[in-house]
Amino acid sequence: MFAGYKYFRGIYHAFFLTILIVLVGTTGFIAIEGWSLLESFYMTIITITTVGFMEVRPLSDAGRIFTAFLILTSFGTIAYAVSTITSYLASGDLKKFRKELRSEKSVQRMENHTIVCGYGRVGKQAAKELLYYGKSVVVIEKEDLLVSDVPDGLAIIHGDSTSDDVLVKAGIQNASALITALPKDTDNLFVVLSAHALNSKLKIIARSSDVSTVKKLKVAGADNVIMPDTVGGAHMASLVVTPDLMEFIDLIKVSGKSSVNLEEISFDQLPGEFKSCTIQQLEEKTKSGCNVIGYRSSNGEYNINPNLQTKIEPGSKLFVLGNPDQIKKLNTAFGI
């Protein structure tokens, strides 16, 4: 269906009814008065528009009755058409349609983007954070959104996230990650199944409200399952038990307002000269001042505060801590 049908639906109906009135009027004058097609069409137009021109020819009694009904019928139709167009222009639907059209065109050009299913509290925050980090984001939302709720740079696809067609429309074949943050666990489970089937290489992060659903989501293909209520409660409890520690952890979470940043760098992001060297050699070559505080080996094992003689191997990841200037210097050295 045409992308803007829901916005133009009223206009389509008004246009259809107007054409129907013209056809009925033209056919009626031909059948009742025996006029030509052009005469009947012209008489219909001047009748339904109530311009007040003279009749094409004198009307018979049957013709006058037909014309009276045509005027009554067309008056309501024209009034409906005018009110529909006025309402469309005043409601901001035109702006919404243009934004949606731009979003769909931009999605077609996207690669390695993140799809966020659901634009509620969790989905909105996830999209906001991803945009801050310069990631391309496509949001799938069933409900209509106010233009003011959609920040610049965010592509919106209106539709049901559980539909394969909608996921394809969001560019799932070219996406690198998907976050499903729908309110119902059953919907999130269905999205995970569909997304994994459409793109097996996709990194999938799912929201869950019930602990019993976590295992099902992981079996379905989710790489990570987040329970916002549990995470929020645990965080608040930690603020009571170890407030200073939690404040420090919050500080290094790269929230955009922090003076300290934590960066994740994969082996593939390293230039050739930095690959297969030790952590100490890497720090000496970059001279960024950053500290490697974590290392994940190719088999998935994590090493906190790794030995400086640890050799960086293919498939591994480094977790680097530093202030914004140091992180920027490190990224420049790596060409990131």
C-alpha atoms as a PDB file:
ATOM      1  CA  MET A   1       0.000   0.000   0.000  1.00  0.00           C
ATOM      2  CA  PHE A   2       1.113   3.553  -0.724  1.00  0.00           C
ATOM      3  CA  ALA A   3       3.233   4.891   2.167  1.00  0.00           C
ATOM      4  CA  GLY A   4       1.044   7.924   2.725  1.00  0.00           C
ATOM      5  CA  TYR A   5      -2.340   6.213   2.432  1.00  0.00           C
ATOM      6  CA  LYS A   6      -3.197   6.668   6.101  1.00  0.00           C
ATOM      7  CA  TYR A   7      -2.562  10.408   5.758  1.00  0.00           C
ATOM      8  CA  PHE A   8      -4.404  10.800   2.435  1.00  0.00           C
ATOM      9  CA  ARG A   9      -7.220   8.361   3.168  1.00  0.00           C
ATOM     10  CA  GLY A  10      -9.812  11.088   3.750  1.00  0.00           C
ATOM     11  CA  ILE A  11      -8.739  12.941   0.618  1.00  0.00           C
ATOM     12  CA  TYR A  12      -8.942   9.724  -1.410  1.00  0.00           C
ATOM     13  CA  HIS A  13     -12.480   9.125  -0.164  1.00  0.00           C
ATOM     14  CA  ALA A  14     -13.537  12.687  -0.965  1.00  0.00           C
ATOM     15  CA  PHE A  15     -11.986  12.455  -4.439  1.00  0.00           C
ATOM     16  CA  PHE A  16     -13.701   9.115  -5.094  1.00  0.00           C
ATOM     17  CA  LEU A  17     -17.104  10.452  -4.008  1.00  0.00           C
ATOM     18  CA  THR A  18     -16.678  13.572  -6.177  1.00  0.00           C
ATOM     19  CA  ILE A  19     -15.815  11.473  -9.259  1.00  0.00           C
ATOM     20  CA  LEU A  20     -18.784   9.212  -8.492  1.00  0.00           C
ATOM     21  CA  ILE A  21     -21.144  12.224  -8.337  1.00  0.00           C
ATOM     22  CA  VAL A  22     -19.815  13.505 -11.674  1.00  0.00           C
ATOM     23  CA  LEU A  23     -20.292  10.093 -13.297  1.00  0.00           C
ATOM     24  CA  VAL A  24     -23.802   9.674 -11.890  1.00  0.00           C
ATOM     25  CA  GLY A  25     -24.770  13.213 -12.946  1.00  0.00           C
ATOM     26  CA  THR A  26     -23.374  12.859 -16.459  1.00  0.00           C
ATOM     27  CA  THR A  27     -24.992   9.461 -16.948  1.00  0.00           C
ATOM     28  CA  GLY A  28     -28.299  10.736 -15.548  1.00  0.00           C
ATOM     29  CA  PHE A  29     -28.538  13.720 -17.917  1.00  0.00           C
ATOM     30  CA  ILE A  30     -27.681  11.502 -20.871  1.00  0.00           C
ATOM     31  CA  ALA A  31     -30.350   8.972 -19.906  1.00  0.00           C
ATOM     32  CA  ILE A  32     -33.095  11.418 -18.849  1.00  0.00           C
ATOM     33  CA  GLU A  33     -32.597  14.343 -21.237  1.00  0.00           C
ATOM     34  CA  GLY A  34     -30.867  12.588 -24.106  1.00  0.00           C
ATOM     35  CA  TRP A  35     -28.035  15.148 -24.145  1.00  0.00           C
ATOM     36  CA  SER A  36     -24.565  14.603 -25.517  1.00  0.00           C
ATOM     37  CA  LEU A  37     -21.689  13.522 -23.257  1.00  0.00           C
ATOM     38  CA  LEU A  38     -20.140  16.996 -23.248  1.00  0.00           C
ATOM     39  CA  GLU A  39     -23.449  18.743 -22.502  1.00  0.00           C
ATOM     40  CA  SER A  40     -24.260  16.296 -19.701  1.00  0.00           C
ATOM     41  CA  PHE A  41     -20.774  16.625 -18.172  1.00  0.00           C
ATOM     42  CA  TYR A  42     -20.914  20.431 -18.316  1.00  0.00           C
ATOM     43  CA  MET A  43     -24.376  20.524 -16.763  1.00  0.00           C
ATOM     44  CA  THR A  44     -23.190  18.216 -13.963  1.00  0.00           C
ATOM     45  CA  ILE A  45     -20.183  20.416 -13.220  1.00  0.00           C
ATOM     46  CA  ILE A  46     -22.147  23.685 -13.028  1.00  0.00           C
ATOM     47  CA  THR A  47     -24.762  21.941 -10.888  1.00  0.00           C
ATOM     48  CA  ILE A  48     -22.493  20.441  -8.244  1.00  0.00           C
ATOM     49  CA  THR A  49     -20.348  23.585  -8.028  1.00  0.00           C
ATOM     50  CA  THR A  50     -23.480  25.805  -7.737  1.00  0.00           C
ATOM     51  CA  VAL A  51     -21.927  28.527  -9.936  1.00  0.00           C
ATOM     52  CA  GLY A  52     -25.345  29.753 -11.040  1.00  0.00           C
ATOM     53  CA  PHE A  53     -24.914  29.478 -14.817  1.00  0.00           C
ATOM     54  CA  MET A  54     -27.960  28.932 -17.043  1.00  0.00           C
ATOM     55  CA  GLU A  55     -29.081  25.438 -17.931  1.00  0.00           C
ATOM     56  CA  VAL A  56     -27.587  23.935 -21.095  1.00  0.00           C
ATOM     57  CA  ARG A  57     -31.093  23.280 -22.350  1.00  0.00           C
ATOM     58  CA  PRO A  58     -34.564  23.519 -20.781  1.00  0.00           C
ATOM     59  CA  LEU A  59     -35.045  20.637 -18.373  1.00  0.00           C
ATOM     60  CA  SER A  60     -37.965  18.248 -18.317  1.00  0.00           C
ATOM     61  CA  ASP A  61     -39.810  17.583 -15.055  1.00  0.00           C
ATOM     62  CA  ALA A  62     -37.810  14.388 -14.563  1.00  0.00           C
ATOM     63  CA  GLY A  63     -34.629  16.331 -15.281  1.00  0.00           C
ATOM     64  CA  ARG A  64     -35.513  18.976 -12.681  1.00  0.00           C
ATOM     65  CA  ILE A  65     -36.142  16.302 -10.027  1.00  0.00           C
ATOM     66  CA  PHE A  66     -32.844  14.578 -10.881  1.00  0.00           C
ATOM     67  CA  THR A  67     -31.003  17.927 -10.751  1.00  0.00           C
ATOM     68  CA  ALA A  68     -32.490  18.721  -7.335  1.00  0.00           C
ATOM     69  CA  PHE A  69     -31.272  15.406  -5.902  1.00  0.00           C
ATOM     70  CA  LEU A  70     -27.882  15.940  -7.572  1.00  0.00           C
ATOM     71  CA  ILE A  71     -27.529  19.347  -5.890  1.00  0.00           C
ATOM     72  CA  LEU A  72     -28.452  17.968  -2.464  1.00  0.00           C
ATOM     73  CA  THR A  73     -26.076  15.036  -2.790  1.00  0.00           C
ATOM     74  CA  SER A  74     -23.172  16.992  -4.238  1.00  0.00           C
ATOM     75  CA  PHE A  75     -23.451  19.782  -1.667  1.00  0.00           C
ATOM     76  CA  GLY A  76     -22.585  17.381   1.167  1.00  0.00           C
ATOM     77  CA  THR A  77     -19.832  15.737  -0.883  1.00  0.00           C
ATOM     78  CA  ILE A  78     -18.118  19.034  -1.781  1.00  0.00           C
ATOM     79  CA  ALA A  79     -18.388  20.245   1.822  1.00  0.00           C
ATOM     80  CA  TYR A  80     -16.803  16.985   3.007  1.00  0.00           C
ATOM     81  CA  ALA A  81     -13.982  17.325   0.467  1.00  0.00           C
ATOM     82  CA  VAL A  82     -13.203  20.920   1.487  1.00  0.00           C
ATOM     83  CA  SER A  83     -13.266  20.119   5.212  1.00  0.00           C
ATOM     84  CA  THR A  84     -11.055  17.054   4.671  1.00  0.00           C
ATOM     85  CA  ILE A  85      -8.393  19.005   2.766  1.00  0.00           C
ATOM     86  CA  THR A  86      -8.508  21.841   5.310  1.00  0.00           C
ATOM     87  CA  SER A  87      -8.175  19.395   8.197  1.00  0.00           C
ATOM     88  CA  TYR A  88      -5.268  17.650   6.454  1.00  0.00           C
ATOM     89  CA  LEU A  89      -3.344  20.904   6.032  1.00  0.00           C
ATOM     90  CA  ALA A  90      -4.096  22.148   9.548  1.00  0.00           C
ATOM     91  CA  SER A  91      -3.330  18.908  11.396  1.00  0.00           C
ATOM     92  CA  GLY A  92       0.293  18.660  10.288  1.00  0.00           C
ATOM     93  CA  ASP A  93      -0.266  15.372   8.432  1.00  0.00           C
ATOM     94  CA  LEU A  94       1.550  16.772   5.408  1.00  0.00           C
ATOM     95  CA  LYS A  95       4.657  17.360   7.514  1.00  0.00           C
ATOM     96  CA  LYS A  96       4.381  13.865   8.991  1.00  0.00           C
ATOM     97  CA  PHE A  97       4.028  12.316   5.545  1.00  0.00           C
ATOM     98  CA  ARG A  98       7.041  14.173   4.177  1.00  0.00           C
ATOM     99  CA  LYS A  99       9.134  13.096   7.186  1.00  0.00           C
ATOM    100  CA  GLU A 100       8.048   9.486   6.799  1.00  0.00           C
ATOM    101  CA  LEU A 101       8.842   9.562   3.077  1.00  0.00           C
ATOM    102  CA  ARG A 102      12.329  10.935   3.797  1.00  0.00           C
ATOM    103  CA  SER A 103      12.816   8.226   6.434  1.00  0.00           C
ATOM    104  CA  GLU A 104      11.929   5.424   4.033  1.00  0.00           C
ATOM    105  CA  LYS A 105      14.288   6.781   1.379  1.00  0.00           C
ATOM    106  CA  SER A 106      17.132   7.139   3.894  1.00  0.00           C
ATOM    107  CA  VAL A 107      16.606   3.561   5.151  1.00  0.00           C
ATOM    108  CA  GLN A 108      17.164   2.238   1.631  1.00  0.00           C
ATOM    109  CA  ARG A 109      20.668   3.724   1.689  1.00  0.00           C
ATOM    110  CA  MET A 110      21.592   2.552   5.211  1.00  0.00           C
ATOM    111  CA  GLU A 111      24.108  -0.144   6.079  1.00  0.00           C
ATOM    112  CA  ASN A 112      25.257  -1.462   9.472  1.00  0.00           C
ATOM    113  CA  HIS A 113      22.462   0.463  11.182  1.00  0.00           C
ATOM    114  CA  THR A 114      20.511  -0.443  14.308  1.00  0.00           C
ATOM    115  CA  ILE A 115      16.794  -1.211  14.258  1.00  0.00           C
ATOM    116  CA  VAL A 116      14.833  -0.297  17.388  1.00  0.00           C
ATOM    117  CA  CYS A 117      11.437  -1.986  17.667  1.00  0.00           C
ATOM    118  CA  GLY A 118       9.105   0.094  19.819  1.00  0.00           C
ATOM    119  CA  TYR A 119       9.446   3.780  20.670  1.00  0.00           C
ATOM    120  CA  GLY A 120       8.274   3.677  24.273  1.00  0.00           C
ATOM    121  CA  ARG A 121      10.362   4.716  27.260  1.00  0.00           C
ATOM    122  CA  VAL A 122      13.031   2.062  26.713  1.00  0.00           C
ATOM    123  CA  GLY A 123      13.129   2.301  22.929  1.00  0.00           C
ATOM    124  CA  LYS A 124      13.241   6.088  22.953  1.00  0.00           C
ATOM    125  CA  GLN A 125      16.189   6.141  25.365  1.00  0.00           C
ATOM    126  CA  ALA A 126      18.045   3.493  23.347  1.00  0.00           C
ATOM    127  CA  ALA A 127      17.540   5.448  20.119  1.00  0.00           C
ATOM    128  CA  LYS A 128      18.658   8.672  21.790  1.00  0.00           C
ATOM    129  CA  GLU A 129      21.895   7.111  23.060  1.00  0.00           C
ATOM    130  CA  LEU A 130      22.657   5.489  19.699  1.00  0.00           C
ATOM    131  CA  LEU A 131      22.153   8.784  17.888  1.00  0.00           C
ATOM    132  CA  TYR A 132      24.512  10.499  20.319  1.00  0.00           C
ATOM    133  CA  TYR A 133      27.234   8.005  19.427  1.00  0.00           C
ATOM    134  CA  GLY A 134      26.737   8.726  15.743  1.00  0.00           C
ATOM    135  CA  LYS A 135      24.979   5.451  14.910  1.00  0.00           C
ATOM    136  CA  SER A 136      22.363   5.170  12.186  1.00  0.00           C
ATOM    137  CA  VAL A 137      19.026   4.236  13.769  1.00  0.00           C
ATOM    138  CA  VAL A 138      15.713   3.054  12.329  1.00  0.00           C
ATOM    139  CA  VAL A 139      12.734   2.924  14.685  1.00  0.00           C
ATOM    140  CA  ILE A 140       9.713   0.725  13.989  1.00  0.00           C
ATOM    141  CA  GLU A 141       6.603   1.979  15.773  1.00  0.00           C
ATOM    142  CA  LYS A 142       2.977   0.947  15.279  1.00  0.00           C
ATOM    143  CA  GLU A 143       1.424   4.064  16.793  1.00  0.00           C
ATOM    144  CA  ASP A 144       1.516   7.499  15.178  1.00  0.00           C
ATOM    145  CA  LEU A 145       4.197   9.759  16.625  1.00  0.00           C
ATOM    146  CA  LEU A 146       4.164  13.500  17.019  1.00  0.00           C
ATOM    147  CA  VAL A 147       6.729  15.223  14.806  1.00  0.00           C
ATOM    148  CA  SER A 148       8.137  16.884  17.935  1.00  0.00           C
ATOM    149  CA  ASP A 149       8.877  13.433  19.428  1.00  0.00           C
ATOM    150  CA  VAL A 150      11.160  12.448  16.549  1.00  0.00           C
ATOM    151  CA  PRO A 151      14.664  13.963  16.670  1.00  0.00           C
ATOM    152  CA  ASP A 152      16.532  14.853  13.507  1.00  0.00           C
ATOM    153  CA  GLY A 153      18.480  11.979  12.040  1.00  0.00           C
ATOM    154  CA  LEU A 154      16.071   9.323  13.311  1.00  0.00           C
ATOM    155  CA  ALA A 155      14.327   7.272  10.620  1.00  0.00           C
ATOM    156  CA  ILE A 156      10.816   6.123  11.511  1.00  0.00           C
ATOM    157  CA  ILE A 157       9.027   3.178   9.916  1.00  0.00           C
ATOM    158  CA  HIS A 158       5.345   2.967  10.835  1.00  0.00           C
ATOM    159  CA  GLY A 159       4.225  -0.616  11.169  1.00  0.00           C
ATOM    160  CA  ASP A 160       4.100  -3.780  13.256  1.00  0.00           C
ATOM    161  CA  SER A 161       7.569  -5.000  14.276  1.00  0.00           C
ATOM    162  CA  THR A 162       6.355  -8.603  14.307  1.00  0.00           C
ATOM    163  CA  SER A 163       5.756  -8.443  10.541  1.00  0.00           C
ATOM    164  CA  ASP A 164       8.547  -9.727   8.310  1.00  0.00           C
ATOM    165  CA  ASP A 165       7.601  -7.198   5.620  1.00  0.00           C
ATOM    166  CA  VAL A 166       8.038  -4.314   8.061  1.00  0.00           C
ATOM    167  CA  LEU A 167      11.428  -5.642   9.218  1.00  0.00           C
ATOM    168  CA  VAL A 168      12.543  -5.908   5.597  1.00  0.00           C
ATOM    169  CA  LYS A 169      11.275  -2.382   5.015  1.00  0.00           C
ATOM    170  CA  ALA A 170      13.513  -1.271   7.907  1.00  0.00           C
ATOM    171  CA  GLY A 171      16.512  -2.744   6.086  1.00  0.00           C
ATOM    172  CA  ILE A 172      17.114  -5.743   8.330  1.00  0.00           C
ATOM    173  CA  GLN A 173      19.300  -7.474   5.719  1.00  0.00           C
ATOM    174  CA  ASN A 174      21.809  -4.606   5.913  1.00  0.00           C
ATOM    175  CA  ALA A 175      21.456  -3.902   9.656  1.00  0.00           C
ATOM    176  CA  SER A 176      24.127  -4.807  12.202  1.00  0.00           C
ATOM    177  CA  ALA A 177      21.962  -4.863  15.329  1.00  0.00           C
ATOM    178  CA  LEU A 178      18.335  -4.937  16.480  1.00  0.00           C
ATOM    179  CA  ILE A 179      16.855  -3.841  19.790  1.00  0.00           C
ATOM    180  CA  THR A 180      13.328  -5.037  20.489  1.00  0.00           C
ATOM    181  CA  ALA A 181      11.768  -3.050  23.321  1.00  0.00           C
ATOM    182  CA  LEU A 182       8.086  -3.838  22.874  1.00  0.00           C
ATOM    183  CA  PRO A 183       5.860  -3.893  25.997  1.00  0.00           C
ATOM    184  CA  LYS A 184       4.814  -7.557  25.601  1.00  0.00           C
ATOM    185  CA  ASP A 185       7.348 -10.367  25.965  1.00  0.00           C
ATOM    186  CA  THR A 186       5.436 -12.478  23.428  1.00  0.00           C
ATOM    187  CA  ASP A 187       5.867  -9.745  20.801  1.00  0.00           C
ATOM    188  CA  ASN A 188       9.573  -9.431  21.590  1.00  0.00           C
ATOM    189  CA  LEU A 189       9.932 -13.197  21.254  1.00  0.00           C
ATOM    190  CA  PHE A 190       8.235 -13.131  17.861  1.00  0.00           C
ATOM    191  CA  VAL A 191      10.459 -10.262  16.690  1.00  0.00           C
ATOM    192  CA  VAL A 192      13.600 -12.138  17.777  1.00  0.00           C
ATOM    193  CA  LEU A 193      12.510 -15.253  15.856  1.00  0.00           C
ATOM    194  CA  SER A 194      11.704 -13.264  12.716  1.00  0.00           C
ATOM    195  CA  ALA A 195      14.840 -11.117  12.883  1.00  0.00           C
ATOM    196  CA  HIS A 196      17.134 -14.111  13.428  1.00  0.00           C
ATOM    197  CA  ALA A 197      15.558 -15.913  10.459  1.00  0.00           C
ATOM    198  CA  LEU A 198      15.933 -12.871   8.188  1.00  0.00           C
ATOM    199  CA  ASN A 199      19.519 -12.060   9.212  1.00  0.00           C
ATOM    200  CA  SER A 200      21.411 -14.702  11.179  1.00  0.00           C
ATOM    201  CA  LYS A 201      24.430 -12.400  11.633  1.00  0.00           C
ATOM    202  CA  LEU A 202      22.359  -9.724  13.354  1.00  0.00           C
ATOM    203  CA  LYS A 203      23.185  -8.825  16.964  1.00  0.00           C
ATOM    204  CA  ILE A 204      19.837  -8.974  18.780  1.00  0.00           C
ATOM    205  CA  ILE A 205      19.108  -7.355  22.128  1.00  0.00           C
ATOM    206  CA  ALA A 206      15.686  -8.012  23.623  1.00  0.00           C
ATOM    207  CA  ARG A 207      13.686  -6.527  26.460  1.00  0.00           C
ATOM    208  CA  SER A 208      11.975  -8.856  28.917  1.00  0.00           C
ATOM    209  CA  SER A 209       9.539  -8.225  31.765  1.00  0.00           C
ATOM    210  CA  ASP A 210       9.412 -11.782  33.101  1.00  0.00           C
ATOM    211  CA  VAL A 211      12.453 -13.813  34.140  1.00  0.00           C
ATOM    212  CA  SER A 212      10.817 -16.943  32.695  1.00  0.00           C
ATOM    213  CA  THR A 213      10.989 -15.413  29.218  1.00  0.00           C
ATOM    214  CA  VAL A 214      14.729 -14.736  29.284  1.00  0.00           C
ATOM    215  CA  LYS A 215      15.737 -18.291  28.371  1.00  0.00           C
ATOM    216  CA  LYS A 216      13.131 -18.449  25.586  1.00  0.00           C
ATOM    217  CA  LEU A 217      14.417 -15.214  24.057  1.00  0.00           C
ATOM    218  CA  LYS A 218      17.995 -16.490  24.078  1.00  0.00           C
ATOM    219  CA  VAL A 219      16.956 -19.812  22.521  1.00  0.00           C
ATOM    220  CA  ALA A 220      15.056 -17.854  19.853  1.00  0.00           C
ATOM    221  CA  GLY A 221      18.245 -16.004  18.892  1.00  0.00           C
ATOM    222  CA  ALA A 222      18.705 -13.029  21.230  1.00  0.00           C
ATOM    223  CA  ASP A 223      22.348 -12.317  22.075  1.00  0.00           C
ATOM    224  CA  ASN A 224      21.421 -10.311  25.170  1.00  0.00           C
ATOM    225  CA  VAL A 225      18.227 -10.009  27.206  1.00  0.00           C
ATOM    226  CA  ILE A 226      17.664  -6.967  29.409  1.00  0.00           C
ATOM    227  CA  MET A 227      15.085  -6.676  32.190  1.00  0.00           C
ATOM    228  CA  PRO A 228      14.728  -2.893  32.751  1.00  0.00           C
ATOM    229  CA  ASP A 229      12.856  -3.243  36.054  1.00  0.00           C
ATOM    230  CA  THR A 230      15.465  -5.605  37.504  1.00  0.00           C
ATOM    231  CA  VAL A 231      18.376  -3.500  36.288  1.00  0.00           C
ATOM    232  CA  GLY A 232      16.814  -0.321  37.656  1.00  0.00           C
ATOM    233  CA  GLY A 233      16.069  -1.901  41.037  1.00  0.00           C
ATOM    234  CA  ALA A 234      19.554  -3.371  41.358  1.00  0.00           C
ATOM    235  CA  HIS A 235      21.085  -0.027  40.473  1.00  0.00           C
ATOM    236  CA  MET A 236      19.068   1.800  43.131  1.00  0.00           C
ATOM    237  CA  ALA A 237      20.013  -0.792  45.743  1.00  0.00           C
ATOM    238  CA  SER A 238      23.693  -0.420  44.801  1.00  0.00           C
ATOM    239  CA  LEU A 239      23.415   3.334  45.266  1.00  0.00           C
ATOM    240  CA  VAL A 240      22.446   2.656  48.886  1.00  0.00           C
ATOM    241  CA  VAL A 241      25.170   0.052  49.563  1.00  0.00           C
ATOM    242  CA  THR A 242      28.083   1.471  47.534  1.00  0.00           C
ATOM    243  CA  PRO A 243      27.083   4.995  46.445  1.00  0.00           C
ATOM    244  CA  ASP A 244      30.564   6.271  45.577  1.00  0.00           C
ATOM    245  CA  LEU A 245      31.417   3.180  43.554  1.00  0.00           C
ATOM    246  CA  MET A 246      28.169   3.413  41.578  1.00  0.00           C
ATOM    247  CA  GLU A 247      28.729   7.099  40.943  1.00  0.00           C
ATOM    248  CA  PHE A 248      32.164   6.287  39.545  1.00  0.00           C
ATOM    249  CA  ILE A 249      30.728   3.517  37.361  1.00  0.00           C
ATOM    250  CA  ASP A 250      28.069   5.912  36.088  1.00  0.00           C
ATOM    251  CA  LEU A 251      30.855   8.369  35.335  1.00  0.00           C
ATOM    252  CA  ILE A 252      32.636   5.993  32.962  1.00  0.00           C
ATOM    253  CA  LYS A 253      29.510   4.869  31.104  1.00  0.00           C
ATOM    254  CA  VAL A 254      30.089   7.313  28.288  1.00  0.00           C
ATOM    255  CA  SER A 255      26.886   9.245  28.859  1.00  0.00           C
ATOM    256  CA  GLY A 256      28.057  12.230  26.855  1.00  0.00           C
ATOM    257  CA  LYS A 257      28.429  14.489  29.885  1.00  0.00           C
ATOM    258  CA  SER A 258      31.256  12.557  31.489  1.00  0.00           C
ATOM    259  CA  SER A 259      34.897  13.578  31.777  1.00  0.00           C
ATOM    260  CA  VAL A 260      35.868   9.895  31.589  1.00  0.00           C
ATOM    261  CA  ASN A 261      35.116   7.505  28.735  1.00  0.00           C
ATOM    262  CA  LEU A 262      35.178   3.751  28.289  1.00  0.00           C
ATOM    263  CA  GLU A 263      35.843   2.601  24.747  1.00  0.00           C
ATOM    264  CA  GLU A 264      35.491  -0.839  23.140  1.00  0.00           C
ATOM    265  CA  ILE A 265      37.936  -1.632  20.329  1.00  0.00           C
ATOM    266  CA  SER A 266      37.851  -4.861  18.353  1.00  0.00           C
ATOM    267  CA  PHE A 267      40.833  -6.539  16.701  1.00  0.00           C
ATOM    268  CA  ASP A 268      39.420  -5.769  13.252  1.00  0.00           C
ATOM    269  CA  GLN A 269      39.474  -2.033  14.038  1.00  0.00           C
ATOM    270  CA  LEU A 270      43.209  -2.053  14.668  1.00  0.00           C
ATOM    271  CA  PRO A 271      45.526  -0.953  11.845  1.00  0.00           C
ATOM    272  CA  GLY A 272      47.972  -3.590  10.588  1.00  0.00           C
ATOM    273  CA  GLU A 273      50.903  -2.262  12.609  1.00  0.00           C
ATOM    274  CA  PHE A 274      48.977  -2.735  15.879  1.00  0.00           C
ATOM    275  CA  LYS A 275      47.707  -6.251  15.217  1.00  0.00           C
ATOM    276  CA  SER A 276      49.328  -9.196  16.992  1.00  0.00           C
ATOM    277  CA  CYS A 277      51.393  -6.957  19.289  1.00  0.00           C
ATOM    278  CA  THR A 278      51.194  -6.928  23.083  1.00  0.00           C
ATOM    279  CA  ILE A 279      49.098  -4.512  25.123  1.00  0.00           C
ATOM    280  CA  GLN A 280      52.254  -2.798  26.332  1.00  0.00           C
ATOM    281  CA  GLN A 281      53.519  -2.321  22.763  1.00  0.00           C
ATOM    282  CA  LEU A 282      50.153  -0.918  21.758  1.00  0.00           C
ATOM    283  CA  GLU A 283      50.185   1.645  24.588  1.00  0.00           C
ATOM    284  CA  GLU A 284      53.761   2.648  23.718  1.00  0.00           C
ATOM    285  CA  LYS A 285      52.937   3.115  20.028  1.00  0.00           C
ATOM    286  CA  THR A 286      49.739   5.134  20.493  1.00  0.00           C
ATOM    287  CA  LYS A 287      51.023   7.309  23.373  1.00  0.00           C
ATOM    288  CA  SER A 288      47.425   8.288  24.077  1.00  0.00           C
ATOM    289  CA  GLY A 289      47.537   7.964  27.866  1.00  0.00           C
ATOM    290  CA  CYS A 290      44.593   5.526  27.847  1.00  0.00           C
ATOM    291  CA  ASN A 291      44.606   2.422  30.010  1.00  0.00           C
ATOM    292  CA  VAL A 292      43.539  -1.023  28.824  1.00  0.00           C
ATOM    293  CA  ILE A 293      41.380  -2.183  31.740  1.00  0.00           C
ATOM    294  CA  GLY A 294      39.845  -5.237  30.093  1.00  0.00           C
ATOM    295  CA  TYR A 295      40.532  -7.829  27.426  1.00  0.00           C
ATOM    296  CA  ARG A 296      38.207 -10.376  25.841  1.00  0.00           C
ATOM    297  CA  SER A 297      39.920 -13.247  24.093  1.00  0.00           C
ATOM    298  CA  SER A 298      38.709 -14.816  20.861  1.00  0.00           C
ATOM    299  CA  ASN A 299      37.001 -17.624  22.803  1.00  0.00           C
ATOM    300  CA  GLY A 300      34.947 -15.114  24.851  1.00  0.00           C
ATOM    301  CA  GLU A 301      36.918 -15.175  28.097  1.00  0.00           C
ATOM    302  CA  TYR A 302      37.207 -11.835  29.923  1.00  0.00           C
ATOM    303  CA  ASN A 303      40.366 -10.678  31.650  1.00  0.00           C
ATOM    304  CA  ILE A 304      40.090  -7.696  33.982  1.00  0.00           C
ATOM    305  CA  ASN A 305      43.210  -5.522  34.184  1.00  0.00           C
ATOM    306  CA  PRO A 306      45.121  -7.785  31.772  1.00  0.00           C
ATOM    307  CA  ASN A 307      48.854  -8.376  31.881  1.00  0.00           C
ATOM    308  CA  LEU A 308      50.762  -5.897  29.714  1.00  0.00           C
ATOM    309  CA  GLN A 309      52.454  -8.801  27.955  1.00  0.00           C
ATOM    310  CA  THR A 310      49.111 -10.182  26.764  1.00  0.00           C
ATOM    311  CA  LYS A 311      49.270 -10.612  22.999  1.00  0.00           C
ATOM    312  CA  ILE A 312      46.351  -9.190  21.018  1.00  0.00           C
ATOM    313  CA  GLU A 313      44.908 -11.991  18.895  1.00  0.00           C
ATOM    314  CA  PRO A 314      42.341 -12.088  16.053  1.00  0.00           C
ATOM    315  CA  GLY A 315      38.749 -12.021  17.299  1.00  0.00           C
ATOM    316  CA  SER A 316      39.668 -10.326  20.567  1.00  0.00           C
ATOM    317  CA  LYS A 317      38.499  -7.009  22.021  1.00  0.00           C
ATOM    318  CA  LEU A 318      40.106  -4.331  24.168  1.00  0.00           C
ATOM    319  CA  PHE A 319      38.319  -2.186  26.746  1.00  0.00           C
ATOM    320  CA  VAL A 320      40.089   1.128  27.145  1.00  0.00           C
ATOM    321  CA  LEU A 321      39.583   3.807  29.811  1.00  0.00           C
ATOM    322  CA  GLY A 322      40.522   7.451  29.368  1.00  0.00           C
ATOM    323  CA  ASN A 323      39.291  11.027  29.307  1.00  0.00           C
ATOM    324  CA  PRO A 324      37.697  12.393  26.096  1.00  0.00           C
ATOM    325  CA  ASP A 325      40.979  13.865  24.794  1.00  0.00           C
ATOM    326  CA  GLN A 326      42.840  10.613  25.382  1.00  0.00           C
ATOM    327  CA  ILE A 327      40.083   8.574  23.708  1.00  0.00           C
ATOM    328  CA  LYS A 328      40.084  10.958  20.747  1.00  0.00           C
ATOM    329  CA  LYS A 329      43.871  10.642  20.444  1.00  0.00           C
ATOM    330  CA  LEU A 330      43.588   6.852  20.571  1.00  0.00           C
ATOM    331  CA  ASN A 331      40.898   6.772  17.892  1.00  0.00           C
ATOM    332  CA  THR A 332      43.012   9.042  15.697  1.00  0.00           C
ATOM    333  CA  ALA A 333      45.961   6.678  16.049  1.00  0.00           C
ATOM    334  CA  PHE A 334      43.749   3.753  15.038  1.00  0.00           C
ATOM    335  CA  GLY A 335      42.046   5.709  12.253  1.00  0.00           C
ATOM    336  CA  ILE A 336      38.619   5.169  13.799  1.00  0.00           C
END
